[in-house]
C-alpha atoms as a PDB file:
ATOM      1  CA  MET A   1       0.000   0.000   0.000  1.00  0.00           C
ATOM      2  CA  LYS A   2       1.285   3.463  -0.867  1.00  0.00           C
ATOM      3  CA  PHE A   3       1.007   6.425   1.410  1.00  0.00           C
ATOM      4  CA  SER A   4       1.002  10.062   0.489  1.00  0.00           C
ATOM      5  CA  ASN A   5       3.487  12.278   2.248  1.00  0.00           C
ATOM      6  CA  ASN A   6       0.628  13.967   4.107  1.00  0.00           C
ATOM      7  CA  ARG A   7      -0.772  10.608   5.231  1.00  0.00           C
ATOM      8  CA  ARG A   8       2.664   9.466   6.338  1.00  0.00           C
ATOM      9  CA  ARG A   9       3.233  12.674   8.313  1.00  0.00           C
ATOM     10  CA  LEU A  10      -0.192  12.270   9.946  1.00  0.00           C
ATOM     11  CA  ILE A  11       0.563   8.700  11.101  1.00  0.00           C
ATOM     12  CA  LEU A  12       4.026   9.648  12.338  1.00  0.00           C
ATOM     13  CA  GLY A  13       2.541  12.599  14.172  1.00  0.00           C
ATOM     14  CA  VAL A  14      -0.069  10.447  15.904  1.00  0.00           C
ATOM     15  CA  GLY A  15       2.650   7.972  16.923  1.00  0.00           C
ATOM     16  CA  ALA A  16       4.817  10.750  18.327  1.00  0.00           C
ATOM     17  CA  ALA A  17       1.884  12.173  20.257  1.00  0.00           C
ATOM     18  CA  SER A  18       1.112   8.720  21.668  1.00  0.00           C
ATOM     19  CA  LEU A  19       4.698   8.268  22.804  1.00  0.00           C
ATOM     20  CA  ALA A  20       4.688  11.700  24.386  1.00  0.00           C
ATOM     21  CA  GLY A  21       1.428  10.883  26.136  1.00  0.00           C
ATOM     22  CA  ASN A  22       2.886   7.662  27.521  1.00  0.00           C
ATOM     23  CA  ALA A  23       5.958   9.523  28.759  1.00  0.00           C
ATOM     24  CA  ARG A  24       3.744  12.050  30.499  1.00  0.00           C
ATOM     25  CA  ALA A  25       1.699   9.252  32.088  1.00  0.00           C
ATOM     26  CA  GLN A  26       4.860   7.689  33.490  1.00  0.00           C
ATOM     27  CA  ALA A  27       6.184  10.936  34.962  1.00  0.00           C
ATOM     28  CA  PRO A  28       4.714  11.761  38.399  1.00  0.00           C
ATOM     29  CA  GLN A  29       2.262  14.622  38.532  1.00  0.00           C
ATOM     30  CA  PHE A  30       2.656  14.906  42.290  1.00  0.00           C
ATOM     31  CA  HIS A  31       5.807  14.441  44.365  1.00  0.00           C
ATOM     32  CA  PHE A  32       6.044  14.216  48.169  1.00  0.00           C
ATOM     33  CA  ARG A  33       9.028  13.661  50.442  1.00  0.00           C
ATOM     34  CA  LEU A  34       8.490  11.546  53.566  1.00  0.00           C
ATOM     35  CA  GLY A  35      11.014  11.937  56.379  1.00  0.00           C
ATOM     36  CA  SER A  36      11.600   9.864  59.520  1.00  0.00           C
ATOM     37  CA  ASN A  37      14.253   9.140  62.116  1.00  0.00           C
ATOM     38  CA  GLN A  38      13.896   5.367  61.722  1.00  0.00           C
ATOM     39  CA  PRO A  39      17.064   3.401  60.888  1.00  0.00           C
ATOM     40  CA  LEU A  40      17.110   2.002  57.366  1.00  0.00           C
ATOM     41  CA  ASP A  41      17.307  -1.637  58.495  1.00  0.00           C
ATOM     42  CA  THR A  42      14.133  -1.504  60.618  1.00  0.00           C
ATOM     43  CA  PHE A  43      10.718  -2.806  59.612  1.00  0.00           C
ATOM     44  CA  ASN A  44       9.290   0.661  60.289  1.00  0.00           C
ATOM     45  CA  HIS A  45      11.377   2.084  57.465  1.00  0.00           C
ATOM     46  CA  ARG A  46      10.591  -0.859  55.202  1.00  0.00           C
ATOM     47  CA  ARG A  47       6.857  -0.398  55.777  1.00  0.00           C
ATOM     48  CA  MET A  48       7.126   3.228  54.670  1.00  0.00           C
ATOM     49  CA  VAL A  49       9.031   2.215  51.537  1.00  0.00           C
ATOM     50  CA  GLU A  50       6.368  -0.409  50.748  1.00  0.00           C
ATOM     51  CA  PHE A  51       3.632   2.161  51.365  1.00  0.00           C
ATOM     52  CA  ALA A  52       5.229   4.593  48.924  1.00  0.00           C
ATOM     53  CA  GLU A  53       5.651   1.900  46.267  1.00  0.00           C
ATOM     54  CA  ARG A  54       2.036   0.767  46.592  1.00  0.00           C
ATOM     55  CA  VAL A  55       0.850   4.350  46.192  1.00  0.00           C
ATOM     56  CA  ARG A  56       2.990   4.773  43.073  1.00  0.00           C
ATOM     57  CA  THR A  57       1.636   1.555  41.576  1.00  0.00           C
ATOM     58  CA  ASP A  58      -2.027   2.211  42.300  1.00  0.00           C
ATOM     59  CA  THR A  59      -1.879   5.783  41.010  1.00  0.00           C
ATOM     60  CA  ASP A  60      -0.225   4.580  37.776  1.00  0.00           C
ATOM     61  CA  GLY A  61       2.833   6.625  38.657  1.00  0.00           C
ATOM     62  CA  ARG A  62       0.940   9.898  39.117  1.00  0.00           C
ATOM     63  CA  MET A  63       1.946  10.102  42.813  1.00  0.00           C
ATOM     64  CA  ARG A  64       5.561   9.671  43.865  1.00  0.00           C
ATOM     65  CA  ILE A  65       6.604   9.554  47.520  1.00  0.00           C
ATOM     66  CA  ASP A  66      10.328   9.481  48.268  1.00  0.00           C
ATOM     67  CA  VAL A  67      11.145   8.046  51.708  1.00  0.00           C
ATOM     68  CA  TYR A  68      14.090   9.442  53.675  1.00  0.00           C
ATOM     69  CA  GLY A  69      14.893   7.437  56.821  1.00  0.00           C
ATOM     70  CA  ALA A  70      17.674   7.698  59.421  1.00  0.00           C
ATOM     71  CA  SER A  71      17.063  11.444  59.869  1.00  0.00           C
ATOM     72  CA  ALA A  72      18.462  12.115  56.387  1.00  0.00           C
ATOM     73  CA  LEU A  73      16.410  15.321  56.177  1.00  0.00           C
ATOM     74  CA  GLY A  74      17.335  16.488  59.675  1.00  0.00           C
ATOM     75  CA  ASN A  75      16.460  15.766  63.290  1.00  0.00           C
ATOM     76  CA  ASP A  76      12.873  15.586  64.511  1.00  0.00           C
ATOM     77  CA  ASN A  77      12.600  19.292  65.309  1.00  0.00           C
ATOM     78  CA  THR A  78      13.948  20.172  61.867  1.00  0.00           C
ATOM     79  CA  MET A  79      11.509  17.819  60.157  1.00  0.00           C
ATOM     80  CA  ILE A  80       8.549  19.159  62.143  1.00  0.00           C
ATOM     81  CA  ALA A  81       9.430  22.689  61.039  1.00  0.00           C
ATOM     82  CA  MET A  82       9.850  21.533  57.440  1.00  0.00           C
ATOM     83  CA  LEU A  83       6.485  19.776  57.565  1.00  0.00           C
ATOM     84  CA  GLN A  84       4.705  22.861  58.810  1.00  0.00           C
ATOM     85  CA  LYS A  85       6.285  25.020  56.126  1.00  0.00           C
ATOM     86  CA  GLY A  86       5.576  22.495  53.380  1.00  0.00           C
ATOM     87  CA  GLU A  87       9.291  22.053  52.679  1.00  0.00           C
ATOM     88  CA  MET A  88       8.755  18.341  53.452  1.00  0.00           C
ATOM     89  CA  GLU A  89       5.302  16.986  52.724  1.00  0.00           C
ATOM     90  CA  MET A  90       5.084  13.910  55.001  1.00  0.00           C
ATOM     91  CA  PHE A  91       6.557  12.845  58.338  1.00  0.00           C
ATOM     92  CA  PHE A  92       6.610   9.467  60.081  1.00  0.00           C
ATOM     93  CA  ALA A  93       6.746  10.729  63.651  1.00  0.00           C
ATOM     94  CA  GLY A  94       7.413   9.124  66.980  1.00  0.00           C
ATOM     95  CA  ASN A  95       6.146  10.773  70.146  1.00  0.00           C
ATOM     96  CA  VAL A  96       7.875  14.060  69.281  1.00  0.00           C
ATOM     97  CA  LEU A  97       4.976  16.352  68.415  1.00  0.00           C
ATOM     98  CA  GLY A  98       4.219  17.432  72.002  1.00  0.00           C
ATOM     99  CA  PRO A  99       6.034  20.803  71.801  1.00  0.00           C
ATOM    100  CA  LEU A 100       3.772  21.700  68.859  1.00  0.00           C
ATOM    101  CA  VAL A 101       0.554  19.961  69.949  1.00  0.00           C
ATOM    102  CA  PRO A 102       0.733  18.980  73.638  1.00  0.00           C
ATOM    103  CA  VAL A 103      -2.271  16.627  73.553  1.00  0.00           C
ATOM    104  CA  SER A 104      -0.470  14.410  71.033  1.00  0.00           C
ATOM    105  CA  GLU A 105       1.534  13.076  74.012  1.00  0.00           C
ATOM    106  CA  MET A 106      -1.530  11.847  75.914  1.00  0.00           C
ATOM    107  CA  PRO A 107      -1.543   8.232  74.674  1.00  0.00           C
ATOM    108  CA  GLY A 108       1.902   7.890  76.265  1.00  0.00           C
ATOM    109  CA  LEU A 109       0.986   9.010  79.772  1.00  0.00           C
ATOM    110  CA  PRO A 110       2.468   6.623  82.369  1.00  0.00           C
ATOM    111  CA  PHE A 111       0.197   3.757  83.444  1.00  0.00           C
ATOM    112  CA  ALA A 112      -2.761   5.168  81.513  1.00  0.00           C
ATOM    113  CA  PHE A 113      -3.394   2.170  79.239  1.00  0.00           C
ATOM    114  CA  LYS A 114      -3.062  -1.556  79.836  1.00  0.00           C
ATOM    115  CA  ASN A 115      -2.311  -2.743  76.292  1.00  0.00           C
ATOM    116  CA  SER A 116      -1.892  -1.539  72.716  1.00  0.00           C
ATOM    117  CA  GLY A 117      -5.426  -2.607  71.792  1.00  0.00           C
ATOM    118  CA  ASP A 118      -6.855  -0.202  74.375  1.00  0.00           C
ATOM    119  CA  VAL A 119      -4.675   2.591  73.007  1.00  0.00           C
ATOM    120  CA  PHE A 120      -5.777   2.009  69.428  1.00  0.00           C
ATOM    121  CA  SER A 121      -9.447   1.908  70.453  1.00  0.00           C
ATOM    122  CA  ALA A 122      -9.045   5.316  72.087  1.00  0.00           C
ATOM    123  CA  LEU A 123      -7.170   6.747  69.118  1.00  0.00           C
ATOM    124  CA  ASP A 124      -9.753   5.422  66.667  1.00  0.00           C
ATOM    125  CA  GLY A 125     -12.421   7.187  68.727  1.00  0.00           C
ATOM    126  CA  GLU A 126     -13.105  10.604  70.223  1.00  0.00           C
ATOM    127  CA  LEU A 127      -9.701  11.060  71.855  1.00  0.00           C
ATOM    128  CA  GLY A 128      -7.944  10.442  68.551  1.00  0.00           C
ATOM    129  CA  ASP A 129     -10.378  12.735  66.723  1.00  0.00           C
ATOM    130  CA  TYR A 130      -9.622  15.500  69.205  1.00  0.00           C
ATOM    131  CA  ILE A 131      -5.853  15.065  68.775  1.00  0.00           C
ATOM    132  CA  ARG A 132      -6.176  15.094  64.983  1.00  0.00           C
ATOM    133  CA  THR A 133      -8.269  18.278  65.155  1.00  0.00           C
ATOM    134  CA  GLN A 134      -5.553  19.967  67.202  1.00  0.00           C
ATOM    135  CA  MET A 135      -2.938  18.810  64.700  1.00  0.00           C
ATOM    136  CA  ALA A 136      -4.968  20.248  61.822  1.00  0.00           C
ATOM    137  CA  ALA A 137      -5.103  23.583  63.631  1.00  0.00           C
ATOM    138  CA  LYS A 138      -1.294  23.615  63.324  1.00  0.00           C
ATOM    139  CA  GLY A 139      -1.416  22.885  59.604  1.00  0.00           C
ATOM    140  CA  ILE A 140      -0.824  19.130  59.826  1.00  0.00           C
ATOM    141  CA  TYR A 141      -3.047  16.343  58.558  1.00  0.00           C
ATOM    142  CA  GLN A 142      -2.620  13.229  60.700  1.00  0.00           C
ATOM    143  CA  PHE A 143      -3.661   9.876  59.264  1.00  0.00           C
ATOM    144  CA  ARG A 144      -6.214   8.012  61.319  1.00  0.00           C
ATOM    145  CA  ARG A 145      -4.445   4.720  62.006  1.00  0.00           C
ATOM    146  CA  ASN A 146      -1.571   4.858  64.473  1.00  0.00           C
ATOM    147  CA  PHE A 147       1.509   2.669  64.287  1.00  0.00           C
ATOM    148  CA  ASP A 148       2.781   0.706  67.281  1.00  0.00           C
ATOM    149  CA  ASN A 149       6.033   0.933  69.177  1.00  0.00           C
ATOM    150  CA  GLY A 150       4.941  -1.017  72.222  1.00  0.00           C
ATOM    151  CA  PHE A 151       5.051  -0.574  75.973  1.00  0.00           C
ATOM    152  CA  HIS A 152       8.261   0.670  77.529  1.00  0.00           C
ATOM    153  CA  GLN A 153      10.481  -1.320  79.847  1.00  0.00           C
ATOM    154  CA  LEU A 154      13.554  -0.224  81.805  1.00  0.00           C
ATOM    155  CA  THR A 155      17.087  -1.389  81.140  1.00  0.00           C
ATOM    156  CA  ASN A 156      20.286  -0.418  82.936  1.00  0.00           C
ATOM    157  CA  ASN A 157      23.813  -1.624  83.588  1.00  0.00           C
ATOM    158  CA  THR A 158      23.761  -1.267  87.397  1.00  0.00           C
ATOM    159  CA  LYS A 159      21.115  -3.442  89.070  1.00  0.00           C
ATOM    160  CA  PRO A 160      17.633  -4.936  88.673  1.00  0.00           C
ATOM    161  CA  ILE A 161      14.807  -2.447  89.215  1.00  0.00           C
ATOM    162  CA  ARG A 162      12.536  -4.305  91.619  1.00  0.00           C
ATOM    163  CA  THR A 163      10.733  -1.335  93.195  1.00  0.00           C
ATOM    164  CA  VAL A 164      10.625   2.411  92.622  1.00  0.00           C
ATOM    165  CA  GLU A 165      13.306   2.893  95.266  1.00  0.00           C
ATOM    166  CA  ASP A 166      15.847   1.185  93.002  1.00  0.00           C
ATOM    167  CA  LEU A 167      15.539   4.118  90.574  1.00  0.00           C
ATOM    168  CA  ASN A 168      16.476   6.722  93.151  1.00  0.00           C
ATOM    169  CA  GLY A 169      19.282   8.852  91.683  1.00  0.00           C
ATOM    170  CA  MET A 170      19.763   6.629  88.620  1.00  0.00           C
ATOM    171  CA  LEU A 171      20.757   8.408  85.397  1.00  0.00           C
ATOM    172  CA  ILE A 172      18.115   7.463  82.818  1.00  0.00           C
ATOM    173  CA  ARG A 173      18.058   8.420  79.148  1.00  0.00           C
ATOM    174  CA  THR A 174      14.603   9.599  78.133  1.00  0.00           C
ATOM    175  CA  PRO A 175      13.101  10.871  74.883  1.00  0.00           C
ATOM    176  CA  VAL A 176      13.269  14.639  74.385  1.00  0.00           C
ATOM    177  CA  GLN A 177       9.913  15.416  76.011  1.00  0.00           C
ATOM    178  CA  LYS A 178       9.097  17.462  79.082  1.00  0.00           C
ATOM    179  CA  MET A 179       6.420  14.990  80.133  1.00  0.00           C
ATOM    180  CA  THR A 180       8.770  11.990  80.164  1.00  0.00           C
ATOM    181  CA  VAL A 181      11.421  13.977  82.013  1.00  0.00           C
ATOM    182  CA  ASP A 182       8.827  15.020  84.601  1.00  0.00           C
ATOM    183  CA  PHE A 183       7.778  11.393  85.091  1.00  0.00           C
ATOM    184  CA  PHE A 184      11.276  10.184  85.926  1.00  0.00           C
ATOM    185  CA  GLU A 185      11.937  13.159  88.180  1.00  0.00           C
ATOM    186  CA  SER A 186       8.661  12.414  89.967  1.00  0.00           C
ATOM    187  CA  ILE A 187       9.774   8.863  90.812  1.00  0.00           C
ATOM    188  CA  GLY A 188      13.253   9.877  91.971  1.00  0.00           C
ATOM    189  CA  ALA A 189      15.437   9.150  88.927  1.00  0.00           C
ATOM    190  CA  LYS A 190      17.720  11.621  87.159  1.00  0.00           C
ATOM    191  CA  PRO A 191      16.595  11.834  83.523  1.00  0.00           C
ATOM    192  CA  LYS A 192      18.846  13.018  80.715  1.00  0.00           C
ATOM    193  CA  THR A 193      17.465  13.624  77.222  1.00  0.00           C
ATOM    194  CA  PHE A 194      19.116  12.253  74.091  1.00  0.00           C
ATOM    195  CA  THR A 195      17.684  11.536  70.658  1.00  0.00           C
ATOM    196  CA  LEU A 196      17.258   7.959  69.462  1.00  0.00           C
ATOM    197  CA  ASN A 197      20.310   8.062  67.203  1.00  0.00           C
ATOM    198  CA  GLN A 198      22.447   8.895  70.264  1.00  0.00           C
ATOM    199  CA  LEU A 199      21.006   6.160  72.467  1.00  0.00           C
ATOM    200  CA  TYR A 200      23.446   3.314  71.909  1.00  0.00           C
ATOM    201  CA  GLN A 201      26.495   5.553  72.270  1.00  0.00           C
ATOM    202  CA  VAL A 202      25.445   7.245  75.519  1.00  0.00           C
ATOM    203  CA  LEU A 203      24.778   3.811  77.014  1.00  0.00           C
ATOM    204  CA  LYS A 204      28.086   2.466  75.764  1.00  0.00           C
ATOM    205  CA  ASP A 205      29.953   5.509  77.110  1.00  0.00           C
ATOM    206  CA  LYS A 206      28.060   5.218  80.437  1.00  0.00           C
ATOM    207  CA  THR A 207      26.889   8.814  80.091  1.00  0.00           C
ATOM    208  CA  VAL A 208      23.694   7.351  81.529  1.00  0.00           C
ATOM    209  CA  GLU A 209      23.105   4.119  83.426  1.00  0.00           C
ATOM    210  CA  GLY A 210      19.807   3.106  81.882  1.00  0.00           C
ATOM    211  CA  GLN A 211      17.031   3.915  79.465  1.00  0.00           C
ATOM    212  CA  THR A 212      13.339   3.450  78.639  1.00  0.00           C
ATOM    213  CA  ASP A 213      12.181   1.723  75.455  1.00  0.00           C
ATOM    214  CA  PRO A 214       9.950  -1.100  74.182  1.00  0.00           C
ATOM    215  CA  TYR A 215      11.247  -4.599  73.490  1.00  0.00           C
ATOM    216  CA  GLN A 216      11.560  -4.001  69.758  1.00  0.00           C
ATOM    217  CA  ILE A 217      13.966  -1.084  70.245  1.00  0.00           C
ATOM    218  CA  ILE A 218      16.045  -3.056  72.736  1.00  0.00           C
ATOM    219  CA  VAL A 219      16.303  -5.857  70.160  1.00  0.00           C
ATOM    220  CA  LEU A 220      16.700  -3.824  66.968  1.00  0.00           C
ATOM    221  CA  LEU A 221      19.304  -1.439  68.391  1.00  0.00           C
ATOM    222  CA  LYS A 222      21.128  -4.294  70.154  1.00  0.00           C
ATOM    223  CA  LEU A 223      20.984  -2.541  73.492  1.00  0.00           C
ATOM    224  CA  TYR A 224      21.766  -5.882  75.146  1.00  0.00           C
ATOM    225  CA  GLU A 225      25.352  -5.204  74.128  1.00  0.00           C
ATOM    226  CA  VAL A 226      25.529  -2.201  76.474  1.00  0.00           C
ATOM    227  CA  GLN A 227      22.869  -3.010  79.118  1.00  0.00           C
ATOM    228  CA  LYS A 228      22.805  -5.931  81.535  1.00  0.00           C
ATOM    229  CA  TYR A 229      19.453  -5.673  83.325  1.00  0.00           C
ATOM    230  CA  LEU A 230      15.944  -5.641  81.856  1.00  0.00           C
ATOM    231  CA  SER A 231      13.120  -4.788  84.247  1.00  0.00           C
ATOM    232  CA  ILE A 232       9.568  -5.352  83.039  1.00  0.00           C
ATOM    233  CA  THR A 233       7.515  -2.291  83.969  1.00  0.00           C
ATOM    234  CA  ASN A 234       5.153  -1.575  81.034  1.00  0.00           C
ATOM    235  CA  HIS A 235       5.150   1.987  82.321  1.00  0.00           C
ATOM    236  CA  TRP A 236       3.915   3.720  79.183  1.00  0.00           C
ATOM    237  CA  TRP A 237       2.964   3.123  75.559  1.00  0.00           C
ATOM    238  CA  SER A 238       4.547   4.783  72.564  1.00  0.00           C
ATOM    239  CA  GLY A 239       3.787   4.688  68.886  1.00  0.00           C
ATOM    240  CA  PHE A 240       4.169   6.458  65.574  1.00  0.00           C
ATOM    241  CA  THR A 241       1.919   8.587  63.412  1.00  0.00           C
ATOM    242  CA  LEU A 242       1.967   9.358  59.704  1.00  0.00           C
ATOM    243  CA  ASN A 243       1.474  13.054  59.024  1.00  0.00           C
ATOM    244  CA  ALA A 244       1.219  15.358  56.018  1.00  0.00           C
ATOM    245  CA  ASN A 245       1.343  19.086  55.452  1.00  0.00           C
ATOM    246  CA  LEU A 246      -2.364  19.983  55.458  1.00  0.00           C
ATOM    247  CA  GLU A 247      -2.241  22.439  52.565  1.00  0.00           C
ATOM    248  CA  LYS A 248      -0.257  20.081  50.347  1.00  0.00           C
ATOM    249  CA  TRP A 249      -2.526  17.193  51.317  1.00  0.00           C
ATOM    250  CA  ASN A 250      -5.714  19.082  50.467  1.00  0.00           C
ATOM    251  CA  ALA A 251      -4.228  20.102  47.104  1.00  0.00           C
ATOM    252  CA  LEU A 252      -4.049  16.471  45.950  1.00  0.00           C
ATOM    253  CA  PRO A 253      -6.895  15.097  43.825  1.00  0.00           C
ATOM    254  CA  SER A 254      -9.471  13.198  45.873  1.00  0.00           C
ATOM    255  CA  ASP A 255      -8.770   9.873  44.139  1.00  0.00           C
ATOM    256  CA  ILE A 256      -5.082  10.074  45.026  1.00  0.00           C
ATOM    257  CA  ARG A 257      -5.909  10.972  48.626  1.00  0.00           C
ATOM    258  CA  GLU A 258      -8.165   7.919  48.842  1.00  0.00           C
ATOM    259  CA  ILE A 259      -5.403   5.648  47.550  1.00  0.00           C
ATOM    260  CA  ILE A 260      -2.859   7.107  49.988  1.00  0.00           C
ATOM    261  CA  MET A 261      -5.253   6.765  52.944  1.00  0.00           C
ATOM    262  CA  GLY A 262      -5.965   3.149  52.050  1.00  0.00           C
ATOM    263  CA  HIS A 263      -2.306   2.217  51.866  1.00  0.00           C
ATOM    264  CA  ALA A 264      -1.492   4.194  55.022  1.00  0.00           C
ATOM    265  CA  GLU A 265      -4.075   2.126  56.886  1.00  0.00           C
ATOM    266  CA  THR A 266      -2.672  -1.103  55.441  1.00  0.00           C
ATOM    267  CA  ALA A 267       0.866  -0.090  56.451  1.00  0.00           C
ATOM    268  CA  ALA A 268      -0.268   0.652  60.016  1.00  0.00           C
ATOM    269  CA  ILE A 269      -2.055  -2.684  60.382  1.00  0.00           C
ATOM    270  CA  GLU A 270       0.910  -4.614  58.974  1.00  0.00           C
ATOM    271  CA  GLN A 271       3.365  -2.703  61.170  1.00  0.00           C
ATOM    272  CA  ARG A 272       1.324  -3.513  64.279  1.00  0.00           C
ATOM    273  CA  LYS A 273       1.654  -7.206  63.370  1.00  0.00           C
ATOM    274  CA  ASP A 274       5.416  -6.710  63.019  1.00  0.00           C
ATOM    275  CA  VAL A 275       5.541  -5.434  66.600  1.00  0.00           C
ATOM    276  CA  VAL A 276       3.454  -8.336  67.921  1.00  0.00           C
ATOM    277  CA  LYS A 277       5.752 -10.790  66.185  1.00  0.00           C
ATOM    278  CA  ILE A 278       8.998  -9.294  67.454  1.00  0.00           C
ATOM    279  CA  GLU A 279       7.679  -8.904  71.002  1.00  0.00           C
ATOM    280  CA  ALA A 280       6.566 -12.533  71.085  1.00  0.00           C
ATOM    281  CA  GLY A 281      10.160 -13.716  70.939  1.00  0.00           C
ATOM    282  CA  ALA A 282      11.904 -10.737  72.481  1.00  0.00           C
ATOM    283  CA  LEU A 283      12.273 -11.932  76.063  1.00  0.00           C
ATOM    284  CA  GLU A 284      13.783 -15.264  75.125  1.00  0.00           C
ATOM    285  CA  LEU A 285      16.128 -13.561  72.689  1.00  0.00           C
ATOM    286  CA  LEU A 286      17.248 -11.019  75.273  1.00  0.00           C
ATOM    287  CA  LYS A 287      17.774 -13.720  77.874  1.00  0.00           C
ATOM    288  CA  SER A 288      19.889 -15.616  75.352  1.00  0.00           C
ATOM    289  CA  LYS A 289      22.004 -12.447  75.062  1.00  0.00           C
ATOM    290  CA  ALA A 290      22.714 -12.710  78.804  1.00  0.00           C
ATOM    291  CA  MET A 291      20.346  -9.964  79.923  1.00  0.00           C
ATOM    292  CA  VAL A 292      19.080 -10.458  83.478  1.00  0.00           C
ATOM    293  CA  VAL A 293      15.281 -10.125  83.409  1.00  0.00           C
ATOM    294  CA  ASN A 294      12.952  -9.395  86.323  1.00  0.00           C
ATOM    295  CA  GLU A 295       9.358  -8.326  86.947  1.00  0.00           C
ATOM    296  CA  THR A 296       9.045  -4.954  88.686  1.00  0.00           C
ATOM    297  CA  ASP A 297       6.496  -4.059  91.357  1.00  0.00           C
ATOM    298  CA  THR A 298       5.172  -0.798  89.901  1.00  0.00           C
ATOM    299  CA  SER A 299       2.669  -0.014  92.680  1.00  0.00           C
ATOM    300  CA  GLY A 300       5.195   2.342  94.250  1.00  0.00           C
ATOM    301  CA  PHE A 301       5.606   4.214  90.951  1.00  0.00           C
ATOM    302  CA  ARG A 302       1.928   5.091  90.874  1.00  0.00           C
ATOM    303  CA  LYS A 303       1.967   6.484  94.422  1.00  0.00           C
ATOM    304  CA  HIS A 304       4.333   9.236  93.247  1.00  0.00           C
ATOM    305  CA  LEU A 305       2.168  10.374  90.334  1.00  0.00           C
ATOM    306  CA  GLY A 306      -0.724  12.322  91.866  1.00  0.00           C
ATOM    307  CA  ALA A 307       0.918  15.731  91.445  1.00  0.00           C
ATOM    308  CA  PHE A 308       2.380  14.645  88.104  1.00  0.00           C
ATOM    309  CA  TYR A 309      -1.054  13.852  86.658  1.00  0.00           C
ATOM    310  CA  ALA A 310      -2.455  17.127  88.008  1.00  0.00           C
ATOM    311  CA  ARG A 311       0.297  19.109  86.287  1.00  0.00           C
ATOM    312  CA  TRP A 312      -0.269  17.445  82.932  1.00  0.00           C
ATOM    313  CA  LYS A 313      -4.038  17.663  83.161  1.00  0.00           C
ATOM    314  CA  ALA A 314      -3.549  21.432  83.374  1.00  0.00           C
ATOM    315  CA  VAL A 315      -1.314  21.336  80.273  1.00  0.00           C
ATOM    316  CA  TYR A 316      -3.615  19.174  78.146  1.00  0.00           C
ATOM    317  CA  GLY A 317      -6.878  20.761  79.264  1.00  0.00           C
ATOM    318  CA  ASP A 318     -10.097  19.483  80.814  1.00  0.00           C
ATOM    319  CA  LYS A 319     -11.741  18.388  77.552  1.00  0.00           C
ATOM    320  CA  ALA A 320      -8.818  16.226  76.449  1.00  0.00           C
ATOM    321  CA  TRP A 321      -8.414  14.794  79.960  1.00  0.00           C
ATOM    322  CA  THR A 322     -12.106  13.871  80.122  1.00  0.00           C
ATOM    323  CA  LEU A 323     -11.810  12.048  76.781  1.00  0.00           C
ATOM    324  CA  LEU A 324      -8.737  10.218  78.065  1.00  0.00           C
ATOM    325  CA  GLU A 325     -10.308   9.150  81.369  1.00  0.00           C
ATOM    326  CA  ALA A 326     -13.411   7.949  79.516  1.00  0.00           C
ATOM    327  CA  ARG A 327     -11.087   5.232  78.209  1.00  0.00           C
ATOM    328  CA  THR A 328      -8.682   4.729  81.105  1.00  0.00           C
ATOM    329  CA  GLY A 329     -10.643   5.487  84.229  1.00  0.00           C
ATOM    330  CA  LYS A 330      -9.572   8.130  86.726  1.00  0.00           C
ATOM    331  CA  LEU A 331      -5.878   8.954  86.732  1.00  0.00           C
ATOM    332  CA  VAL A 332      -5.776  11.873  89.186  1.00  0.00           C
END
């Protein structure tokens, strides 16, 4: 069959346009950066990478989320500031948002909850809605499903913690939060704040004697190499949240937001299972690493917390405290 030059140019033009269209379809229309402080070899980081890949796949490449772990974009305070300004669009946050939104710390109040299931029920309900509303007021969209970190235990290199008296004067590394510092001061310890990426080194150097973290952190960061004693206290819960800059989030098309929300929920549910799995074998593993494990009588801890709870009720406000106690029972 013979083609005229005009016909040939028309067919070539259509082919070129099709190729250009395919190239445009493969290039992302929307691009977010997601920062976190989680080490690259942890399942928390891997879950965020999987989440980003699933979003890319289900949006046919229209939405690209680049994940930066191990504080590659800066420390937590830097990333919070970047998130608010829209310089970083998403943030996988531990319990570090208290200076910006104090009520975000409430799920981690000492001896408030008995297990992670109770925490998640509260955060899926009115307490969580209230926290998310306060976050939105600061320009941050917080995804509904929280991620787990587990209940904190105490480790140290000095002695077993059998009662609260054993903590008197002990140097304890805590997260960089006023509330956690106040707790340890209230029970007689001497808290010192260091970020997570400093934890192993300050224990190794004996800058502090002990620390507070869940089983998974003790295992994943190999704290058994620099701590001898593990005391089971379950003194507070901690977790993670996935957050986005509210303006950038609202600017996304609704179909992309729906896809992201669906995969964020899936990531949270899968991550919670990761924590259950690692905690199931943690004690035996830590014992095999020569850690000395004991159960702690925490009744004495609670006797020191009346004034502590009163102080933090004043910080968080009556409405938030009422929502909390509707789930936990009276704390003050």
